[in-house]
Amino acid sequence: MEREIPSITARMLSKELKDLELNKVIERTVHQTIPIKVSYKLTAHGESLKMIFDPMKEWGLKHREINFSTT
């Protein structure tokens, strides 16, 4: 995830993921591999937020395009 969000620190990402887990938005799974791998998935509660977040994502992408275009 850190690669997908280059401006976030490992500490901030960890804090945000813990908050999402505490609020039952995501589920954390630790895989007993070497090295240990951790994966996350949306819970049913988290899935219910997609109808809100998907339009927000689209708006954000359009907003970025408008504000950072070189025209």
Protein backbone atom coordinates (compact mmCIF):
# COMPACT_ATOMS: atom_id res chain seq x y z
CA MET A 1 0.00 0.00 0.00
CA GLU A 2 2.86 2.36 0.71
CA ARG A 3 3.83 2.18 -2.96
CA GLU A 4 0.31 3.17 -3.99
CA ILE A 5 0.31 6.22 -1.68
CA PRO A 6 3.85 7.63 -1.97
CA SER A 7 3.23 10.63 0.29
CA ILE A 8 2.12 8.57 3.33
CA THR A 9 4.56 7.50 6.03
CA ALA A 10 4.62 3.92 7.31
CA ARG A 11 3.52 5.19 10.73
CA MET A 12 0.53 7.08 9.35
CA LEU A 13 -0.52 4.15 7.15
CA SER A 14 -0.32 1.80 10.13
CA LYS A 15 -2.43 4.17 12.26
CA GLU A 16 -5.08 4.56 9.56
CA LEU A 17 -5.31 0.81 8.97
CA LYS A 18 -5.68 0.18 12.72
CA ASP A 19 -8.47 2.77 12.90
CA LEU A 20 -10.27 1.19 9.95
CA GLU A 21 -9.93 -2.23 11.58
CA LEU A 22 -11.25 -0.95 14.93
CA ASN A 23 -14.24 0.56 13.12
CA LYS A 24 -14.88 -2.76 11.35
CA VAL A 25 -14.33 -1.29 7.90
CA ILE A 26 -11.48 -3.66 7.04
CA GLU A 27 -10.38 -7.10 8.17
CA ARG A 28 -6.69 -7.82 8.76
CA THR A 29 -5.24 -11.29 8.10
CA VAL A 30 -1.70 -12.28 9.09
CA HIS A 31 -0.23 -15.02 6.90
CA GLN A 32 2.40 -17.20 8.58
CA THR A 33 4.98 -16.97 5.82
CA ILE A 34 8.59 -15.88 5.79
CA PRO A 35 8.60 -12.93 5.72
CA ILE A 36 5.22 -12.51 7.41
CA LYS A 37 2.61 -11.16 5.03
CA VAL A 38 -0.41 -9.14 6.11
CA SER A 39 -3.44 -8.65 3.90
CA TYR A 40 -6.53 -6.52 4.28
CA LYS A 41 -10.02 -6.77 2.84
CA LEU A 42 -13.20 -4.81 3.21
CA THR A 43 -15.76 -6.16 5.65
CA ALA A 44 -19.45 -6.18 4.76
CA HIS A 45 -19.65 -2.85 6.59
CA GLY A 46 -16.74 -1.55 4.51
CA GLU A 47 -18.36 -2.78 1.31
CA SER A 48 -21.45 -0.73 2.16
CA LEU A 49 -19.29 2.41 1.98
CA LYS A 50 -18.31 1.78 -1.65
CA MET A 51 -21.48 3.46 -2.91
CA ILE A 52 -20.23 6.61 -1.17
CA PHE A 53 -16.50 6.32 -1.90
CA ASP A 54 -16.68 5.40 -5.59
CA PRO A 55 -18.34 8.72 -6.59
CA MET A 56 -15.91 10.59 -4.29
CA LYS A 57 -12.99 8.90 -6.05
CA GLU A 58 -14.35 9.90 -9.44
CA TRP A 59 -14.81 13.48 -8.27
CA GLY A 60 -11.28 13.54 -6.89
CA LEU A 61 -9.79 12.29 -10.15
CA LYS A 62 -11.70 14.93 -12.15
CA HIS A 63 -10.74 17.63 -9.63
CA ARG A 64 -7.07 16.64 -9.91
CA GLU A 65 -7.30 16.67 -13.70
CA ILE A 66 -8.81 20.16 -13.70
CA ASN A 67 -6.39 21.62 -11.16
CA PHE A 68 -3.20 19.99 -12.39
CA SER A 69 -3.70 19.93 -16.15
CA THR A 70 -1.09 21.81 -18.18
CA THR A 71 -3.51 23.58 -20.50
